[in-house]
Amino acid sequence: MTSESQYHFSEHHLWVLPDTDGTFIAGISDHAQQLLGDIVYVEAPPAGSKLQAGQVCGFVESVKTASDLHAPVAGEVLTVNNAIADNPELLNDAAETTWIFRFRANDANDVSALMDKDTYQKTLD
């Protein structure tokens, strides 16, 4: 079971969660999915692509707008969640448990430097 203390958040509303194998999964925050509304399309960064912290790596489209995905840290995309290609609304149903892509960070300490859930929440208030 995942603890809320394991979540890290970027200023661009992505969450990052460590996995047991030293990799990380990333998805959009609940706040982001609420702002977007009904999500109809997700373009994840392709497997093998290099992530540069803060750089655009994909996008999420809803019925009312589109929003870029910004890489939370530098690394390499390992896999994408194919379930959201067919069912992008999964992000609306469970944003903070539905991952978009799995990656290996160049430096795992960069993930630790992201915001914890409480700090992220304070930036929204």
N, C-alpha and C. Protein backbone atom coordinates (compact mmCIF):
# COMPACT_ATOMS: atom_id res chain seq x y z
N MET A 1 0.83 -1.19 0.00
CA MET A 1 0.00 0.00 0.00
C MET A 1 0.88 1.25 0.00
N THR A 2 0.50 2.21 -0.79
CA THR A 2 1.28 3.43 -0.95
C THR A 2 0.90 4.44 0.13
N SER A 3 1.91 5.02 0.71
CA SER A 3 1.71 6.06 1.71
C SER A 3 1.76 7.42 1.03
N GLU A 4 0.94 8.37 1.52
CA GLU A 4 0.96 9.71 0.96
C GLU A 4 2.33 10.36 1.10
N SER A 5 3.11 9.93 2.09
CA SER A 5 4.44 10.52 2.29
C SER A 5 5.41 10.12 1.18
N GLN A 6 5.08 9.11 0.38
CA GLN A 6 5.94 8.69 -0.72
C GLN A 6 5.75 9.54 -1.97
N TYR A 7 4.66 10.28 -2.04
CA TYR A 7 4.38 11.12 -3.21
C TYR A 7 5.24 12.37 -3.18
N HIS A 8 5.74 12.73 -4.36
CA HIS A 8 6.45 13.99 -4.55
C HIS A 8 5.76 14.70 -5.70
N PHE A 9 5.69 16.03 -5.62
CA PHE A 9 4.96 16.82 -6.62
C PHE A 9 5.85 17.87 -7.25
N SER A 10 5.69 18.07 -8.54
CA SER A 10 6.41 19.12 -9.24
C SER A 10 5.56 20.38 -9.26
N GLU A 11 6.20 21.49 -9.58
CA GLU A 11 5.45 22.75 -9.68
C GLU A 11 4.50 22.74 -10.87
N HIS A 12 4.67 21.77 -11.77
CA HIS A 12 3.82 21.64 -12.95
C HIS A 12 2.71 20.61 -12.76
N HIS A 13 2.42 20.29 -11.50
CA HIS A 13 1.27 19.45 -11.13
C HIS A 13 1.39 17.99 -11.53
N LEU A 14 2.62 17.48 -11.59
CA LEU A 14 2.83 16.05 -11.75
C LEU A 14 3.24 15.46 -10.42
N TRP A 15 2.74 14.26 -10.15
CA TRP A 15 3.21 13.54 -8.97
C TRP A 15 4.20 12.47 -9.42
N VAL A 16 5.09 12.13 -8.51
CA VAL A 16 6.10 11.10 -8.75
C VAL A 16 6.09 10.17 -7.56
N LEU A 17 6.12 8.88 -7.83
CA LEU A 17 6.07 7.88 -6.78
C LEU A 17 7.15 6.83 -7.04
N PRO A 18 7.98 6.55 -6.02
CA PRO A 18 9.02 5.53 -6.22
C PRO A 18 8.42 4.13 -6.27
N ASP A 19 9.03 3.27 -7.08
CA ASP A 19 8.64 1.87 -7.12
C ASP A 19 9.75 1.06 -6.44
N THR A 20 9.47 -0.18 -6.15
CA THR A 20 10.41 -1.01 -5.40
C THR A 20 11.69 -1.32 -6.18
N ASP A 21 11.65 -1.19 -7.51
CA ASP A 21 12.82 -1.53 -8.33
C ASP A 21 13.74 -0.34 -8.60
N GLY A 22 13.51 0.78 -7.93
CA GLY A 22 14.35 1.96 -8.12
C GLY A 22 13.89 2.88 -9.23
N THR A 23 12.81 2.51 -9.91
CA THR A 23 12.24 3.39 -10.93
C THR A 23 11.13 4.21 -10.28
N PHE A 24 10.52 5.09 -11.08
CA PHE A 24 9.46 5.95 -10.59
C PHE A 24 8.30 5.94 -11.58
N ILE A 25 7.10 6.17 -11.07
CA ILE A 25 5.95 6.39 -11.94
C ILE A 25 5.51 7.84 -11.75
N ALA A 26 4.89 8.39 -12.78
CA ALA A 26 4.45 9.78 -12.74
C ALA A 26 3.05 9.91 -13.32
N GLY A 27 2.30 10.84 -12.77
CA GLY A 27 0.96 11.13 -13.25
C GLY A 27 0.60 12.56 -12.90
N ILE A 28 -0.61 12.96 -13.24
CA ILE A 28 -1.03 14.33 -12.93
C ILE A 28 -1.73 14.35 -11.57
N SER A 29 -1.67 15.50 -10.93
CA SER A 29 -2.30 15.65 -9.62
C SER A 29 -3.82 15.73 -9.76
N ASP A 30 -4.48 15.48 -8.66
CA ASP A 30 -5.93 15.60 -8.63
C ASP A 30 -6.34 17.04 -8.95
N HIS A 31 -5.57 17.99 -8.45
CA HIS A 31 -5.84 19.41 -8.73
C HIS A 31 -5.81 19.66 -10.24
N ALA A 32 -4.81 19.12 -10.92
CA ALA A 32 -4.68 19.31 -12.37
C ALA A 32 -5.87 18.72 -13.11
N GLN A 33 -6.28 17.51 -12.74
CA GLN A 33 -7.41 16.90 -13.46
C GLN A 33 -8.70 17.68 -13.21
N GLN A 34 -8.84 18.27 -12.02
CA GLN A 34 -10.03 19.09 -11.75
C GLN A 34 -10.05 20.33 -12.63
N LEU A 35 -8.88 20.96 -12.80
CA LEU A 35 -8.79 22.14 -13.65
C LEU A 35 -9.06 21.81 -15.11
N LEU A 36 -8.57 20.65 -15.55
CA LEU A 36 -8.74 20.25 -16.94
C LEU A 36 -10.18 19.88 -17.28
N GLY A 37 -10.87 19.24 -16.36
CA GLY A 37 -12.20 18.74 -16.66
C GLY A 37 -12.11 17.36 -17.30
N ASP A 38 -13.09 17.02 -18.11
CA ASP A 38 -13.16 15.68 -18.70
C ASP A 38 -12.02 15.44 -19.68
N ILE A 39 -11.10 14.57 -19.30
CA ILE A 39 -9.92 14.28 -20.11
C ILE A 39 -10.30 13.32 -21.24
N VAL A 40 -9.89 13.69 -22.47
CA VAL A 40 -10.24 12.89 -23.64
C VAL A 40 -9.03 12.31 -24.37
N TYR A 41 -7.82 12.80 -24.06
CA TYR A 41 -6.64 12.31 -24.76
C TYR A 41 -5.40 12.57 -23.91
N VAL A 42 -4.47 11.62 -23.91
CA VAL A 42 -3.20 11.77 -23.22
C VAL A 42 -2.08 11.37 -24.18
N GLU A 43 -1.11 12.24 -24.34
CA GLU A 43 0.08 11.90 -25.10
C GLU A 43 1.24 11.82 -24.12
N ALA A 44 1.64 10.60 -23.81
CA ALA A 44 2.74 10.37 -22.89
C ALA A 44 4.06 10.42 -23.65
N PRO A 45 5.15 10.71 -22.95
CA PRO A 45 6.44 10.64 -23.64
C PRO A 45 6.74 9.20 -24.01
N PRO A 46 7.23 8.95 -25.21
CA PRO A 46 7.46 7.56 -25.64
C PRO A 46 8.59 6.89 -24.87
N ALA A 47 8.48 5.59 -24.72
CA ALA A 47 9.53 4.81 -24.07
C ALA A 47 10.85 5.06 -24.78
N GLY A 48 11.90 5.22 -23.99
CA GLY A 48 13.22 5.49 -24.54
C GLY A 48 13.55 6.96 -24.64
N SER A 49 12.54 7.83 -24.51
CA SER A 49 12.82 9.26 -24.62
C SER A 49 13.52 9.77 -23.37
N LYS A 50 14.34 10.77 -23.57
CA LYS A 50 15.08 11.40 -22.47
C LYS A 50 14.25 12.53 -21.91
N LEU A 51 14.18 12.61 -20.60
CA LEU A 51 13.46 13.67 -19.91
C LEU A 51 14.45 14.73 -19.44
N GLN A 52 14.10 15.97 -19.64
CA GLN A 52 14.86 17.10 -19.10
C GLN A 52 13.93 17.82 -18.12
N ALA A 53 14.38 17.96 -16.90
CA ALA A 53 13.54 18.54 -15.85
C ALA A 53 12.91 19.85 -16.31
N GLY A 54 11.59 19.94 -16.16
CA GLY A 54 10.85 21.14 -16.49
C GLY A 54 10.49 21.29 -17.96
N GLN A 55 11.02 20.43 -18.82
CA GLN A 55 10.75 20.54 -20.25
C GLN A 55 9.47 19.76 -20.61
N VAL A 56 8.78 20.22 -21.63
CA VAL A 56 7.56 19.56 -22.10
C VAL A 56 7.91 18.15 -22.59
N CYS A 57 7.12 17.17 -22.13
CA CYS A 57 7.38 15.78 -22.54
C CYS A 57 6.11 15.09 -23.03
N GLY A 58 4.99 15.78 -23.04
CA GLY A 58 3.73 15.21 -23.50
C GLY A 58 2.62 16.21 -23.24
N PHE A 59 1.37 15.77 -23.39
CA PHE A 59 0.26 16.66 -23.04
C PHE A 59 -1.00 15.88 -22.73
N VAL A 60 -1.91 16.58 -22.07
CA VAL A 60 -3.21 16.03 -21.71
C VAL A 60 -4.25 16.97 -22.30
N GLU A 61 -5.24 16.40 -22.98
CA GLU A 61 -6.30 17.19 -23.59
C GLU A 61 -7.63 16.86 -22.95
N SER A 62 -8.39 17.90 -22.68
CA SER A 62 -9.73 17.71 -22.12
C SER A 62 -10.74 18.34 -23.08
N VAL A 63 -12.01 18.24 -22.73
CA VAL A 63 -13.04 18.81 -23.60
C VAL A 63 -12.95 20.32 -23.66
N LYS A 64 -12.29 20.94 -22.66
CA LYS A 64 -12.24 22.41 -22.66
C LYS A 64 -10.86 23.01 -22.88
N THR A 65 -9.79 22.22 -22.75
CA THR A 65 -8.44 22.78 -22.89
C THR A 65 -7.41 21.66 -23.06
N ALA A 66 -6.19 22.06 -23.27
CA ALA A 66 -5.07 21.11 -23.29
C ALA A 66 -3.97 21.67 -22.40
N SER A 67 -3.18 20.77 -21.84
CA SER A 67 -2.11 21.18 -20.95
C SER A 67 -0.88 20.32 -21.19
N ASP A 68 0.27 20.97 -21.26
CA ASP A 68 1.52 20.25 -21.44
C ASP A 68 1.88 19.48 -20.18
N LEU A 69 2.54 18.35 -20.37
CA LEU A 69 3.17 17.62 -19.28
C LEU A 69 4.63 18.04 -19.26
N HIS A 70 5.11 18.45 -18.11
CA HIS A 70 6.51 18.85 -17.95
C HIS A 70 7.23 17.79 -17.13
N ALA A 71 8.38 17.37 -17.61
CA ALA A 71 9.15 16.34 -16.91
C ALA A 71 9.47 16.81 -15.49
N PRO A 72 9.19 15.97 -14.50
CA PRO A 72 9.45 16.38 -13.11
C PRO A 72 10.94 16.43 -12.79
N VAL A 73 11.71 15.54 -13.38
CA VAL A 73 13.17 15.47 -13.19
C VAL A 73 13.79 14.93 -14.48
N ALA A 74 15.11 15.00 -14.58
CA ALA A 74 15.80 14.43 -15.73
C ALA A 74 15.85 12.91 -15.59
N GLY A 75 15.72 12.23 -16.71
CA GLY A 75 15.77 10.77 -16.69
C GLY A 75 15.43 10.19 -18.04
N GLU A 76 15.01 8.93 -18.02
CA GLU A 76 14.64 8.24 -19.25
C GLU A 76 13.32 7.51 -19.04
N VAL A 77 12.41 7.67 -20.00
CA VAL A 77 11.11 6.99 -19.94
C VAL A 77 11.32 5.51 -20.26
N LEU A 78 10.80 4.66 -19.39
CA LEU A 78 10.92 3.21 -19.58
C LEU A 78 9.69 2.62 -20.23
N THR A 79 8.51 3.00 -19.75
CA THR A 79 7.25 2.49 -20.30
C THR A 79 6.17 3.55 -20.11
N VAL A 80 5.09 3.37 -20.84
CA VAL A 80 3.92 4.22 -20.67
C VAL A 80 2.73 3.34 -20.29
N ASN A 81 1.76 3.94 -19.66
CA ASN A 81 0.56 3.24 -19.24
C ASN A 81 -0.41 3.18 -20.42
N ASN A 82 -0.43 2.05 -21.10
CA ASN A 82 -1.28 1.91 -22.29
C ASN A 82 -2.77 1.96 -21.96
N ALA A 83 -3.14 1.69 -20.73
CA ALA A 83 -4.56 1.71 -20.35
C ALA A 83 -5.16 3.10 -20.53
N ILE A 84 -4.37 4.16 -20.33
CA ILE A 84 -4.94 5.50 -20.46
C ILE A 84 -5.06 5.93 -21.92
N ALA A 85 -4.37 5.24 -22.83
CA ALA A 85 -4.55 5.56 -24.25
C ALA A 85 -5.98 5.24 -24.67
N ASP A 86 -6.50 4.12 -24.19
CA ASP A 86 -7.87 3.72 -24.53
C ASP A 86 -8.90 4.33 -23.59
N ASN A 87 -8.48 4.67 -22.37
CA ASN A 87 -9.39 5.18 -21.35
C ASN A 87 -8.78 6.37 -20.63
N PRO A 88 -8.62 7.51 -21.31
CA PRO A 88 -8.00 8.67 -20.67
C PRO A 88 -8.78 9.19 -19.47
N GLU A 89 -10.07 8.86 -19.42
CA GLU A 89 -10.90 9.30 -18.30
C GLU A 89 -10.47 8.67 -16.97
N LEU A 90 -9.61 7.65 -17.03
CA LEU A 90 -9.07 7.08 -15.79
C LEU A 90 -8.38 8.15 -14.96
N LEU A 91 -7.81 9.15 -15.63
CA LEU A 91 -7.16 10.24 -14.90
C LEU A 91 -8.17 11.07 -14.13
N ASN A 92 -9.37 11.21 -14.65
CA ASN A 92 -10.41 11.91 -13.90
C ASN A 92 -10.91 11.08 -12.73
N ASP A 93 -10.98 9.77 -12.95
CA ASP A 93 -11.52 8.88 -11.92
C ASP A 93 -10.56 8.71 -10.74
N ALA A 94 -9.27 8.65 -11.02
CA ALA A 94 -8.28 8.38 -9.96
C ALA A 94 -6.93 8.97 -10.36
N ALA A 95 -6.85 10.30 -10.38
CA ALA A 95 -5.65 10.98 -10.88
C ALA A 95 -4.39 10.58 -10.13
N GLU A 96 -4.47 10.45 -8.84
CA GLU A 96 -3.25 10.23 -8.08
C GLU A 96 -2.93 8.75 -7.84
N THR A 97 -3.62 7.88 -8.55
CA THR A 97 -3.23 6.46 -8.57
C THR A 97 -3.08 5.95 -10.01
N THR A 98 -3.46 6.75 -10.99
CA THR A 98 -3.32 6.35 -12.39
C THR A 98 -2.05 7.00 -12.94
N TRP A 99 -1.05 6.17 -13.20
CA TRP A 99 0.22 6.70 -13.69
C TRP A 99 0.18 6.85 -15.20
N ILE A 100 1.00 7.78 -15.70
CA ILE A 100 1.09 8.04 -17.14
C ILE A 100 2.34 7.40 -17.73
N PHE A 101 3.47 7.56 -17.02
CA PHE A 101 4.70 6.94 -17.52
C PHE A 101 5.60 6.52 -16.37
N ARG A 102 6.44 5.51 -16.65
CA ARG A 102 7.44 5.01 -15.71
C ARG A 102 8.80 5.48 -16.23
N PHE A 103 9.66 5.93 -15.31
CA PHE A 103 10.96 6.42 -15.74
C PHE A 103 12.04 6.09 -14.72
N ARG A 104 13.27 6.16 -15.20
CA ARG A 104 14.45 6.05 -14.34
C ARG A 104 15.04 7.44 -14.26
N ALA A 105 15.18 7.95 -13.05
CA ALA A 105 15.76 9.28 -12.85
C ALA A 105 17.28 9.22 -13.03
N ASN A 106 17.84 10.26 -13.62
CA ASN A 106 19.30 10.35 -13.70
C ASN A 106 19.90 10.39 -12.31
N ASP A 107 19.21 11.07 -11.40
CA ASP A 107 19.64 11.18 -10.01
C ASP A 107 18.39 11.10 -9.13
N ALA A 108 18.25 10.02 -8.38
CA ALA A 108 17.07 9.82 -7.54
C ALA A 108 16.91 10.93 -6.51
N ASN A 109 18.00 11.60 -6.15
CA ASN A 109 17.90 12.71 -5.20
C ASN A 109 17.09 13.87 -5.75
N ASP A 110 17.04 13.99 -7.08
CA ASP A 110 16.22 15.04 -7.69
C ASP A 110 14.75 14.85 -7.35
N VAL A 111 14.31 13.61 -7.26
CA VAL A 111 12.92 13.33 -6.89
C VAL A 111 12.67 13.77 -5.45
N SER A 112 13.60 13.48 -4.58
CA SER A 112 13.47 13.88 -3.17
C SER A 112 13.37 15.39 -3.02
N ALA A 113 13.93 16.13 -3.96
CA ALA A 113 13.90 17.59 -3.90
C ALA A 113 12.56 18.18 -4.33
N LEU A 114 11.70 17.36 -4.94
CA LEU A 114 10.35 17.84 -5.29
C LEU A 114 9.54 18.05 -4.02
N MET A 115 8.38 18.68 -4.15
CA MET A 115 7.54 18.99 -2.99
C MET A 115 6.85 17.75 -2.42
N ASP A 116 6.70 17.72 -1.10
CA ASP A 116 5.85 16.69 -0.50
C ASP A 116 4.40 17.13 -0.67
N LYS A 117 3.48 16.26 -0.31
CA LYS A 117 2.06 16.55 -0.55
C LYS A 117 1.58 17.79 0.20
N ASP A 118 2.01 17.96 1.44
CA ASP A 118 1.59 19.14 2.22
C ASP A 118 2.09 20.43 1.59
N THR A 119 3.35 20.44 1.18
CA THR A 119 3.91 21.65 0.56
C THR A 119 3.20 21.95 -0.75
N TYR A 120 2.97 20.92 -1.54
CA TYR A 120 2.25 21.10 -2.80
C TYR A 120 0.87 21.68 -2.54
N GLN A 121 0.17 21.14 -1.56
CA GLN A 121 -1.18 21.61 -1.24
C GLN A 121 -1.15 23.09 -0.85
N LYS A 122 -0.13 23.50 -0.11
CA LYS A 122 -0.01 24.91 0.30
C LYS A 122 0.18 25.83 -0.89
N THR A 123 0.82 25.35 -1.96
CA THR A 123 0.99 26.20 -3.15
C THR A 123 -0.33 26.41 -3.86
N LEU A 124 -1.30 25.55 -3.61
CA LEU A 124 -2.60 25.66 -4.27
C LEU A 124 -3.56 26.55 -3.50
N ASP A 125 -3.32 26.72 -2.22
CA ASP A 125 -4.23 27.51 -1.37
C ASP A 125 -4.08 29.01 -1.58
